[in-house]
Amino acid sequence: MELSQEETEVLKVLSGSGELSEEEIQVKQLGQERIRSAISWLQKKELIDVRVQESMDIIVSQEAKKYDINGLPEVVLFNILKNSGTVSLDDIYKNMGETTGKIAVAQLSRLGLRPVNGTLSLEHHDIFQILENRQETLHKAVMGNNEYSESEREQLDLLLKRSGLLEKKPRKTRFAKINKNGIEIIQEISGVAGIGQLTSDIIRNESYRESGFRSYDLNLPGIKVQRNTEHPLMMLINQIREIFVSLGFQEIRDDFIEKAGWNMDALFIPQNHPARDMQDTFFVDMEKPSTREDTNLFRKIGKIHESGFPGYSGWGYKWSMKEAEKLLLRTHTTASTMRHLHNNPTKEQALFSVDRIFRHESMDWKHLAEFHQVEGVVYSKNATFQTLKWILRKFYGELGFDNVELIPSYYPYTEPSMDIVVEINGKEVEMGGSGIIRPEVNRMLGLKHNVIAWGLGLERLAMLYYGLDDIRKIYNSDLRWLQSYNIKL
């Protein structure tokens, strides 16, 4: 029976141990993905026995991490009451913020400490131990400690019920153990069938003289690897990153799964827009509660969708929170950059991302369902349409395009908008879109300055650089092509 090098190494580890989990199997220079693959193949070849154990992980949100550092809202408010004895609701909301203050008051009310006539007074301290226990439980969850006392488990259940803090996630762990067939194979590899890999130790102790070597068919077809290098697409990504960084931009990354509220609504794309149809978007068949901050923001977004604000009419339809809560594979990276700006509205900054996005499209010579978007964003009080045009010419000039045409166009969340057209071998080729983010988006996300943005598809750019006539060839695993490409930046 033939084994790959990965399968052989994993089998050797298991031969010297009892039952091990996937995480416990460590092989030098092998990552966990390759170890997992080897385990699957060894199980299929009936050389190991695999047992699956189900458990539950606690997923910790950013809000929970913040509360671990600063204290849960109810704990913070209780400490304020310990110092002052009495505090009005108005002062609570003023000092803690209305949203956080209401959470704190609601949680203390559930423990019997309720406001009277708009004032909260601390008449007894018998809930101190409960709050201390709750804060310690949160800390254990954030630190990944799964050992809880009975009282801590009660508090953990309460924390899991609160929106946007903790979430249970089922986990399956595989445990592997070598069986009789595997032991026989290891014995063959160790000597009976000859040596499969020559090492310095084997040469020094001359054990090869007794064991001999496994036979190899040198006539099998193959390709000689001449050099070790990056994949052409990764090389292009790194070159683009260098261009952005040299212009003073900061890179951001985010999750592939987005709420429709961020991917569509926050960019002022109406809920009846064709882009939301299943024909254009991959929706995810699962639910994930929004944080309080996102829920409040989505409501604000919904009002502007429905009726706008002074000077802007909105879309004039009945907005739905249910639609905004839907999960999808992001159709662009703009949701990530705009979320970053929303969370940092006072800081002028320049951002970029080169990351994967997903569109429900039929794959052909120029379309993929999964591809990379290159995006640049500038947030500044001095950002104007002229700024955008200058940056576009500078950016595309760094990419090697000297003749850049900027043509008026339309995009849902920019106004005015432009298409970027470059000249390649005497032909005009559309390379992407750009524009100034609409005032409605700025208003919804609390942005005080102008936002200019542009984007392009990385794979289409790669087609031009590598002279490909089919976008799918970029992901070809042909070693001859991978070793012959030439970066042209």
Protein backbone atom coordinates (compact mmCIF):
# COMPACT_ATOMS: atom_id res chain seq x y z
CA MET A 1 0.00 0.00 0.00
CA GLU A 2 1.39 3.38 -1.04
CA LEU A 3 1.41 6.20 1.50
CA SER A 4 2.18 9.86 1.04
CA GLN A 5 4.94 11.44 3.10
CA GLU A 6 2.32 13.20 5.26
CA GLU A 7 0.43 9.95 5.89
CA THR A 8 3.66 8.16 6.78
CA GLU A 9 4.74 10.82 9.29
CA VAL A 10 1.32 10.93 10.97
CA LEU A 11 1.21 7.13 11.16
CA LYS A 12 4.66 7.11 12.81
CA VAL A 13 3.47 9.56 15.47
CA LEU A 14 0.40 7.42 16.19
CA SER A 15 2.48 4.24 16.33
CA GLY A 16 4.37 5.58 19.35
CA SER A 17 1.31 6.84 21.23
CA GLY A 18 -2.18 5.89 22.27
CA GLU A 19 -5.21 7.77 21.07
CA LEU A 20 -4.44 11.39 20.10
CA SER A 21 -6.60 14.31 19.05
CA GLU A 22 -5.86 16.11 15.79
CA GLU A 23 -4.39 19.04 17.76
CA GLU A 24 -2.07 16.70 19.71
CA ILE A 25 -0.58 15.23 16.54
CA GLN A 26 2.44 17.40 15.78
CA VAL A 27 4.69 16.78 12.78
CA LYS A 28 7.58 19.09 11.95
CA GLN A 29 6.92 21.26 8.88
CA LEU A 30 3.33 20.02 8.58
CA GLY A 31 0.45 22.41 9.28
CA GLN A 32 -2.84 21.31 10.82
CA GLU A 33 -4.64 21.28 7.45
CA ARG A 34 -2.19 18.74 6.02
CA ILE A 35 -2.33 16.67 9.22
CA ARG A 36 -6.14 16.63 9.07
CA SER A 37 -6.00 15.54 5.44
CA ALA A 38 -3.55 12.76 6.28
CA ILE A 39 -5.82 11.50 9.07
CA SER A 40 -8.78 11.35 6.65
CA TRP A 41 -6.77 9.35 4.11
CA LEU A 42 -5.38 6.98 6.76
CA GLN A 43 -8.91 6.34 7.99
CA LYS A 44 -10.09 5.68 4.44
CA LYS A 45 -7.20 3.22 3.97
CA GLU A 46 -8.30 1.52 7.25
CA LEU A 47 -4.93 2.04 8.92
CA ILE A 48 -6.28 4.02 11.89
CA ASP A 49 -9.50 4.15 13.91
CA VAL A 50 -11.10 7.58 14.31
CA ARG A 51 -13.48 8.66 17.07
CA VAL A 52 -15.41 11.94 16.93
CA GLN A 53 -16.17 13.79 20.17
CA GLU A 54 -18.68 16.63 20.21
CA SER A 55 -18.23 19.61 22.54
CA MET A 56 -19.29 23.23 22.85
CA ASP A 57 -17.09 26.32 22.46
CA ILE A 58 -17.92 29.80 23.73
CA ILE A 59 -17.47 32.49 21.06
CA VAL A 60 -16.60 35.87 22.59
CA SER A 61 -17.62 39.14 20.90
CA GLN A 62 -15.64 42.38 20.86
CA GLU A 63 -18.27 43.88 23.16
CA ALA A 64 -17.67 41.09 25.71
CA LYS A 65 -13.91 41.72 25.56
CA LYS A 66 -14.57 45.41 26.17
CA TYR A 67 -16.74 44.58 29.20
CA ASP A 68 -14.02 42.25 30.50
CA ILE A 69 -11.58 45.18 30.56
CA ASN A 70 -13.92 48.00 31.61
CA GLY A 71 -16.52 46.04 33.58
CA LEU A 72 -20.06 44.95 32.72
CA PRO A 73 -22.47 47.93 32.60
CA GLU A 74 -24.32 46.75 35.73
CA VAL A 75 -21.02 46.31 37.60
CA VAL A 76 -19.87 49.80 36.61
CA LEU A 77 -23.19 51.31 37.73
CA PHE A 78 -23.15 49.37 41.01
CA ASN A 79 -19.69 50.73 41.79
CA ILE A 80 -20.95 54.27 41.08
CA LEU A 81 -23.82 53.67 43.51
CA LYS A 82 -21.43 52.35 46.17
CA ASN A 83 -19.56 55.65 46.04
CA SER A 84 -22.51 58.05 45.79
CA GLY A 85 -25.40 56.10 47.29
CA THR A 86 -27.94 57.72 44.95
CA VAL A 87 -27.85 58.73 41.27
CA SER A 88 -30.53 59.94 38.85
CA LEU A 89 -31.30 58.16 35.59
CA ASP A 90 -30.41 61.33 33.68
CA ASP A 91 -26.94 61.35 35.24
CA ILE A 92 -26.53 57.63 34.53
CA TYR A 93 -27.34 58.11 30.83
CA LYS A 94 -25.15 61.21 30.65
CA ASN A 95 -22.09 59.56 32.23
CA MET A 96 -22.42 56.06 30.78
CA GLY A 97 -24.14 56.81 27.49
CA GLU A 98 -27.84 56.18 26.95
CA THR A 99 -27.48 52.68 25.47
CA THR A 100 -24.99 51.40 28.05
CA GLY A 101 -26.84 53.14 30.87
CA LYS A 102 -30.14 51.49 29.95
CA ILE A 103 -28.43 48.08 29.86
CA ALA A 104 -26.98 48.69 33.34
CA VAL A 105 -30.32 49.85 34.82
CA ALA A 106 -32.17 46.91 33.25
CA GLN A 107 -29.70 44.36 34.61
CA LEU A 108 -29.75 45.81 38.13
CA SER A 109 -33.56 45.89 37.99
CA ARG A 110 -33.58 42.15 37.31
CA LEU A 111 -31.59 41.76 40.53
CA GLY A 112 -34.14 43.78 42.51
CA LEU A 113 -32.37 47.15 42.43
CA ARG A 114 -34.99 49.24 40.61
CA PRO A 115 -35.23 53.02 40.06
CA VAL A 116 -37.89 54.97 41.97
CA ASN A 117 -39.11 58.35 40.66
CA GLY A 118 -36.23 58.58 38.22
CA THR A 119 -33.59 57.84 40.86
CA LEU A 120 -31.59 54.73 41.69
CA SER A 121 -30.57 54.24 45.33
CA LEU A 122 -28.38 51.61 46.92
CA GLU A 123 -30.19 50.46 50.03
CA HIS A 124 -28.56 47.06 50.37
CA HIS A 125 -25.42 45.29 49.18
CA ASP A 126 -26.61 41.69 48.90
CA ILE A 127 -26.22 41.64 45.10
CA PHE A 128 -22.50 42.45 45.26
CA GLN A 129 -21.50 38.77 45.29
CA ILE A 130 -23.75 38.04 42.29
CA LEU A 131 -22.19 40.83 40.24
CA GLU A 132 -18.67 39.84 41.22
CA ASN A 133 -19.48 36.27 40.22
CA ARG A 134 -20.90 37.45 36.89
CA GLN A 135 -17.84 39.55 36.07
CA GLU A 136 -15.51 36.66 36.92
CA THR A 137 -17.58 34.33 34.72
CA LEU A 138 -17.25 36.73 31.80
CA HIS A 139 -13.48 36.91 32.37
CA LYS A 140 -13.19 33.12 32.29
CA ALA A 141 -15.16 32.98 29.03
CA VAL A 142 -12.93 35.65 27.44
CA MET A 143 -9.78 33.81 28.58
CA GLY A 144 -11.10 30.49 27.22
CA ASN A 145 -11.39 28.83 30.64
CA ASN A 146 -14.13 26.15 30.48
CA GLU A 147 -14.07 25.26 34.18
CA TYR A 148 -17.03 26.90 35.92
CA SER A 149 -18.54 26.44 39.38
CA GLU A 150 -22.28 25.82 39.70
CA SER A 151 -23.00 29.50 40.43
CA GLU A 152 -20.75 30.58 37.54
CA ARG A 153 -22.65 28.28 35.15
CA GLU A 154 -25.87 30.06 36.12
CA GLN A 155 -24.26 33.40 35.29
CA LEU A 156 -22.84 31.95 32.05
CA ASP A 157 -26.36 30.95 30.96
CA LEU A 158 -27.56 34.50 31.64
CA LEU A 159 -24.65 36.01 29.69
CA LEU A 160 -25.36 33.70 26.75
CA LYS A 161 -28.95 34.98 26.62
CA ARG A 162 -27.77 38.60 26.31
CA SER A 163 -27.54 39.80 22.74
CA GLY A 164 -24.09 40.28 21.22
CA LEU A 165 -21.94 39.05 24.14
CA LEU A 166 -21.31 35.30 24.10
CA GLU A 167 -22.39 32.58 21.73
CA LYS A 168 -22.30 28.80 21.90
CA LYS A 169 -20.68 27.06 18.95
CA PRO A 170 -20.65 23.26 18.62
CA ARG A 171 -17.25 21.71 17.93
CA LYS A 172 -16.30 18.25 16.76
CA THR A 173 -12.87 16.87 17.66
CA ARG A 174 -11.41 13.82 15.95
CA PHE A 175 -9.30 11.36 17.93
CA ALA A 176 -7.10 8.92 16.01
CA LYS A 177 -5.55 5.62 17.06
CA ILE A 178 -3.41 3.27 14.99
CA ASN A 179 -4.94 -0.17 14.41
CA LYS A 180 -3.54 -3.58 13.49
CA ASN A 181 -3.32 -2.77 9.78
CA GLY A 182 -1.46 0.46 10.54
CA ILE A 183 1.05 -1.32 12.78
CA GLU A 184 1.82 -3.81 10.00
CA ILE A 185 2.41 -0.96 7.53
CA ILE A 186 4.73 0.83 9.97
CA GLN A 187 6.75 -2.38 10.38
CA GLU A 188 7.12 -2.62 6.60
CA ILE A 189 8.19 1.02 6.33
CA SER A 190 10.69 0.55 9.16
CA GLY A 191 12.65 -2.21 7.47
CA VAL A 192 10.86 -5.08 5.82
CA ALA A 193 9.88 -3.05 2.75
CA GLY A 194 13.03 -0.91 2.73
CA ILE A 195 13.79 2.69 3.57
CA GLY A 196 11.50 5.28 2.00
CA GLN A 197 13.38 8.43 3.03
CA LEU A 198 17.10 8.72 3.51
CA THR A 199 18.23 10.73 6.53
CA SER A 200 21.62 11.71 7.96
CA ASP A 201 21.12 9.27 10.87
CA ILE A 202 20.56 6.36 8.46
CA ILE A 203 23.74 7.27 6.59
CA ARG A 204 25.80 7.52 9.79
CA ASN A 205 24.63 4.23 11.32
CA GLU A 206 24.62 2.50 7.92
CA SER A 207 21.30 0.79 8.64
CA TYR A 208 20.49 1.04 4.94
CA ARG A 209 22.94 -1.83 4.32
CA GLU A 210 20.58 -4.27 6.07
CA SER A 211 17.21 -2.70 5.27
CA GLY A 212 17.81 -1.66 1.68
CA PHE A 213 15.61 0.89 -0.05
CA ARG A 214 12.05 0.94 -1.34
CA SER A 215 11.84 0.70 -5.11
CA TYR A 216 10.84 3.75 -7.17
CA ASP A 217 9.71 3.97 -10.78
CA LEU A 218 11.91 6.65 -12.28
CA ASN A 219 10.06 6.46 -15.58
CA LEU A 220 6.88 8.00 -14.21
CA PRO A 221 6.05 11.36 -15.88
CA GLY A 222 6.77 14.45 -13.86
CA ILE A 223 7.85 18.07 -13.95
CA LYS A 224 11.13 19.28 -12.59
CA VAL A 225 10.59 22.17 -10.19
CA GLN A 226 13.16 24.81 -11.09
CA ARG A 227 12.45 27.38 -8.42
CA ASN A 228 10.27 28.08 -5.41
CA THR A 229 8.25 31.28 -5.69
CA GLU A 230 4.95 32.93 -4.87
CA HIS A 231 1.82 32.28 -6.87
CA PRO A 232 1.43 34.93 -9.61
CA LEU A 233 -1.75 36.27 -8.03
CA MET A 234 -0.10 36.61 -4.61
CA MET A 235 2.84 38.36 -6.22
CA LEU A 236 0.45 40.87 -7.80
CA ILE A 237 -1.40 41.37 -4.48
CA ASN A 238 1.87 42.14 -2.69
CA GLN A 239 2.88 44.61 -5.38
CA ILE A 240 -0.47 46.41 -5.05
CA ARG A 241 -0.07 46.48 -1.27
CA GLU A 242 3.31 48.14 -1.69
CA ILE A 243 1.74 50.82 -3.91
CA PHE A 244 -0.96 51.60 -1.34
CA VAL A 245 1.48 51.66 1.58
CA SER A 246 3.84 53.96 -0.33
CA LEU A 247 0.91 56.38 -0.75
CA GLY A 248 0.23 56.35 3.02
CA PHE A 249 -2.74 53.94 3.10
CA GLN A 250 -3.54 51.49 5.90
CA GLU A 251 -4.76 47.96 5.12
CA ILE A 252 -7.89 46.52 6.76
CA ARG A 253 -9.31 42.98 6.73
CA ASP A 254 -12.70 41.69 7.79
CA ASP A 255 -14.97 38.61 7.77
CA PHE A 256 -16.44 37.18 4.58
CA ILE A 257 -19.95 36.83 6.08
CA GLU A 258 -21.82 40.12 6.48
CA LYS A 259 -25.20 41.35 7.60
CA ALA A 260 -27.23 42.68 4.69
CA GLY A 261 -27.62 45.82 6.82
CA TRP A 262 -23.91 46.51 6.44
CA ASN A 263 -23.41 45.09 2.96
CA MET A 264 -26.44 46.86 1.41
CA ASP A 265 -28.52 49.11 3.70
CA ALA A 266 -25.59 51.05 5.19
CA LEU A 267 -24.53 51.94 1.64
CA PHE A 268 -28.01 53.28 0.83
CA ILE A 269 -28.87 50.37 -1.47
CA PRO A 270 -32.67 49.95 -1.19
CA GLN A 271 -34.07 46.64 -0.05
CA ASN A 272 -35.87 46.16 -3.36
CA HIS A 273 -32.67 46.67 -5.38
CA PRO A 274 -32.02 43.87 -7.95
CA ALA A 275 -28.53 43.25 -6.49
CA ARG A 276 -30.17 41.68 -3.42
CA ASP A 277 -31.80 38.91 -5.45
CA MET A 278 -30.54 35.35 -5.14
CA GLN A 279 -29.29 35.74 -8.72
CA ASP A 280 -26.62 38.18 -7.55
CA THR A 281 -26.01 37.35 -3.88
CA PHE A 282 -25.11 34.25 -1.88
CA PHE A 283 -27.32 34.31 1.22
CA VAL A 284 -26.28 32.24 4.25
CA ASP A 285 -28.89 29.94 5.76
CA MET A 286 -28.22 30.72 9.43
CA GLU A 287 -28.98 33.40 11.99
CA LYS A 288 -26.70 35.54 14.12
CA PRO A 289 -28.08 38.16 16.54
CA SER A 290 -26.89 41.70 15.87
CA THR A 291 -25.16 43.69 18.58
CA ARG A 292 -27.17 46.47 20.22
CA GLU A 293 -25.01 49.02 18.42
CA ASP A 294 -25.75 47.46 15.03
CA THR A 295 -29.46 47.15 15.78
CA ASN A 296 -29.71 50.81 16.75
CA LEU A 297 -27.68 51.81 13.69
CA PHE A 298 -29.88 49.72 11.39
CA ARG A 299 -32.99 51.46 12.75
CA LYS A 300 -31.41 54.83 12.01
CA ILE A 301 -30.50 53.61 8.53
CA GLY A 302 -34.07 52.39 8.00
CA LYS A 303 -35.55 55.81 8.79
CA ILE A 304 -33.29 57.49 6.24
CA HIS A 305 -34.20 54.83 3.67
CA GLU A 306 -37.88 55.51 4.28
CA SER A 307 -38.05 59.29 4.57
CA GLY A 308 -34.53 60.70 4.20
CA PHE A 309 -33.48 63.86 6.05
CA PRO A 310 -33.65 67.60 5.29
CA GLY A 311 -32.55 68.11 1.70
CA TYR A 312 -32.63 64.39 0.82
CA SER A 313 -35.85 62.47 0.22
CA GLY A 314 -34.83 58.85 0.90
CA TRP A 315 -36.29 55.94 -1.07
CA GLY A 316 -39.90 56.22 0.16
CA TYR A 317 -40.63 52.54 0.91
CA LYS A 318 -41.33 50.48 4.04
CA TRP A 319 -37.91 49.39 5.34
CA SER A 320 -37.60 45.96 7.03
CA MET A 321 -35.27 45.06 9.92
CA LYS A 322 -35.72 41.39 8.96
CA GLU A 323 -34.10 42.05 5.57
CA ALA A 324 -31.22 43.95 7.17
CA GLU A 325 -30.56 41.05 9.59
CA LYS A 326 -30.03 38.50 6.79
CA LEU A 327 -26.55 37.01 6.49
CA LEU A 328 -24.73 36.83 3.17
CA LEU A 329 -21.32 36.36 1.62
CA ARG A 330 -20.14 39.91 1.11
CA THR A 331 -20.47 41.23 -2.43
CA HIS A 332 -17.81 43.92 -1.91
CA THR A 333 -15.30 45.07 0.71
CA THR A 334 -16.84 48.56 1.03
CA ALA A 335 -18.95 47.35 3.96
CA SER A 336 -15.72 46.68 5.89
CA THR A 337 -14.12 50.04 5.11
CA MET A 338 -17.28 51.98 5.95
CA ARG A 339 -17.69 50.08 9.23
CA HIS A 340 -14.11 51.03 10.09
CA LEU A 341 -14.85 54.69 9.38
CA HIS A 342 -18.09 54.51 11.39
CA ASN A 343 -16.12 53.20 14.37
CA ASN A 344 -13.46 55.93 13.92
CA PRO A 345 -15.42 58.97 12.66
CA THR A 346 -13.10 61.69 14.00
CA LYS A 347 -9.86 60.42 12.45
CA GLU A 348 -8.95 61.45 8.91
CA GLN A 349 -7.46 58.41 7.22
CA ALA A 350 -6.71 56.53 4.01
CA LEU A 351 -7.64 52.82 3.88
CA PHE A 352 -7.29 49.98 1.42
CA SER A 353 -8.14 46.30 1.14
CA VAL A 354 -7.28 43.51 -1.27
CA ASP A 355 -9.62 40.72 -0.30
CA ARG A 356 -12.12 38.14 -1.50
CA ILE A 357 -15.74 38.88 -2.37
CA PHE A 358 -18.55 36.70 -3.71
CA ARG A 359 -21.11 37.14 -6.49
CA HIS A 360 -23.70 34.60 -7.61
CA GLU A 361 -22.58 34.63 -11.25
CA SER A 362 -22.19 31.96 -13.90
CA MET A 363 -18.49 31.29 -14.36
CA ASP A 364 -17.08 31.91 -17.82
CA TRP A 365 -13.91 33.32 -19.39
CA LYS A 366 -14.31 36.70 -17.63
CA HIS A 367 -16.50 35.94 -14.57
CA LEU A 368 -15.90 34.10 -11.29
CA ALA A 369 -18.21 33.49 -8.34
CA GLU A 370 -15.35 34.19 -5.92
CA PHE A 371 -12.70 36.78 -6.69
CA HIS A 372 -10.65 39.62 -5.18
CA GLN A 373 -11.60 43.26 -4.97
CA VAL A 374 -8.98 45.99 -4.72
CA GLU A 375 -10.43 49.01 -2.91
CA GLY A 376 -9.06 52.38 -1.80
CA VAL A 377 -10.83 54.89 0.45
CA VAL A 378 -9.85 58.37 1.66
CA TYR A 379 -11.75 60.04 4.53
CA SER A 380 -10.83 63.70 4.96
CA LYS A 381 -12.36 67.16 5.23
CA ASN A 382 -10.14 68.15 2.30
CA ALA A 383 -11.19 65.22 0.08
CA THR A 384 -12.85 66.52 -3.10
CA PHE A 385 -13.64 65.29 -6.59
CA GLN A 386 -10.35 66.80 -7.76
CA THR A 387 -8.56 64.84 -5.02
CA LEU A 388 -10.16 61.65 -6.29
CA LYS A 389 -9.08 62.30 -9.88
CA TRP A 390 -5.50 63.02 -8.81
CA ILE A 391 -5.28 59.86 -6.67
CA LEU A 392 -6.75 57.70 -9.46
CA ARG A 393 -4.19 58.92 -11.98
CA LYS A 394 -1.41 58.42 -9.42
CA PHE A 395 -2.59 54.94 -8.38
CA TYR A 396 -3.15 53.62 -11.89
CA GLY A 397 0.09 55.24 -12.99
CA GLU A 398 1.90 53.16 -10.35
CA LEU A 399 0.19 50.11 -11.84
CA GLY A 400 1.78 50.96 -15.17
CA PHE A 401 -1.12 52.70 -16.96
CA ASP A 402 -0.11 56.13 -18.24
CA ASN A 403 -3.26 56.93 -20.26
CA VAL A 404 -6.19 57.03 -17.82
CA GLU A 405 -9.66 58.24 -18.84
CA LEU A 406 -12.28 59.12 -16.19
CA ILE A 407 -15.81 58.79 -17.56
CA PRO A 408 -19.04 59.85 -15.73
CA SER A 409 -21.01 56.83 -14.55
CA TYR A 410 -23.50 55.62 -11.92
CA TYR A 411 -23.01 53.53 -8.79
CA PRO A 412 -25.61 53.06 -6.01
CA TYR A 413 -23.59 54.53 -3.14
CA THR A 414 -21.41 57.17 -4.83
CA GLU A 415 -22.43 60.50 -6.35
CA PRO A 416 -20.84 61.73 -8.54
CA SER A 417 -19.34 58.52 -9.93
CA MET A 418 -16.74 57.70 -12.58
CA ASP A 419 -15.55 54.67 -14.54
CA ILE A 420 -11.79 54.28 -14.91
CA VAL A 421 -10.71 53.40 -18.44
CA VAL A 422 -7.09 52.71 -19.39
CA GLU A 423 -5.37 52.21 -22.73
CA ILE A 424 -3.72 48.85 -23.38
CA ASN A 425 -2.12 48.15 -26.76
CA GLY A 426 -4.19 50.89 -28.34
CA LYS A 427 -7.50 49.61 -26.89
CA GLU A 428 -9.56 51.19 -24.10
CA VAL A 429 -10.29 48.80 -21.23
CA GLU A 430 -12.61 49.53 -18.27
CA MET A 431 -10.69 48.87 -15.05
CA GLY A 432 -13.11 49.81 -12.25
CA GLY A 433 -15.40 52.38 -10.68
CA SER A 434 -15.00 55.32 -8.34
CA GLY A 435 -16.81 58.25 -6.77
CA ILE A 436 -17.67 60.27 -3.68
CA ILE A 437 -19.72 58.39 -1.09
CA ARG A 438 -23.28 59.74 -1.02
CA PRO A 439 -24.37 62.18 1.73
CA GLU A 440 -27.04 59.68 2.84
CA VAL A 441 -24.33 57.14 3.69
CA ASN A 442 -22.30 59.73 5.60
CA ARG A 443 -25.41 60.78 7.53
CA MET A 444 -26.36 57.19 8.41
CA LEU A 445 -22.85 56.29 9.61
CA GLY A 446 -22.15 59.56 11.44
CA LEU A 447 -19.29 60.62 9.14
CA LYS A 448 -18.43 64.34 9.20
CA HIS A 449 -16.00 64.44 6.25
CA ASN A 450 -16.10 63.48 2.59
CA VAL A 451 -15.29 59.92 1.60
CA ILE A 452 -13.79 59.19 -1.81
CA ALA A 453 -13.48 55.58 -2.97
CA TRP A 454 -12.54 53.41 -5.94
CA GLY A 455 -12.23 49.73 -6.71
CA LEU A 456 -11.22 47.21 -9.34
CA GLY A 457 -11.23 43.46 -9.84
CA LEU A 458 -7.83 41.89 -9.17
CA GLU A 459 -8.32 38.85 -11.43
CA ARG A 460 -9.13 40.99 -14.46
CA LEU A 461 -6.00 43.00 -13.79
CA ALA A 462 -4.03 39.73 -13.54
CA MET A 463 -5.39 38.65 -16.94
CA LEU A 464 -3.81 41.74 -18.48
CA TYR A 465 -0.45 41.35 -16.73
CA TYR A 466 -0.08 37.66 -17.51
CA GLY A 467 -1.60 37.71 -21.01
CA LEU A 468 -4.43 35.29 -20.21
CA ASP A 469 -7.56 34.91 -22.33
CA ASP A 470 -9.57 33.13 -19.62
CA ILE A 471 -9.89 34.36 -16.02
CA ARG A 472 -10.12 30.77 -14.75
CA LYS A 473 -6.53 30.08 -15.86
CA ILE A 474 -5.28 32.28 -12.99
CA TYR A 475 -6.07 29.40 -10.62
CA ASN A 476 -4.49 26.78 -12.89
CA SER A 477 -2.10 24.46 -11.04
CA ASP A 478 0.04 23.80 -14.11
CA LEU A 479 3.64 24.01 -12.84
CA ARG A 480 4.93 24.98 -16.27
CA TRP A 481 2.85 28.16 -16.25
CA LEU A 482 3.44 28.89 -12.56
CA GLN A 483 7.20 28.90 -13.22
CA SER A 484 7.10 30.91 -16.45
CA TYR A 485 4.95 33.94 -15.58
CA ASN A 486 6.50 37.39 -15.48
CA ILE A 487 5.30 40.20 -13.25
CA LYS A 488 5.04 43.42 -15.24
CA LEU A 489 4.52 46.04 -12.55
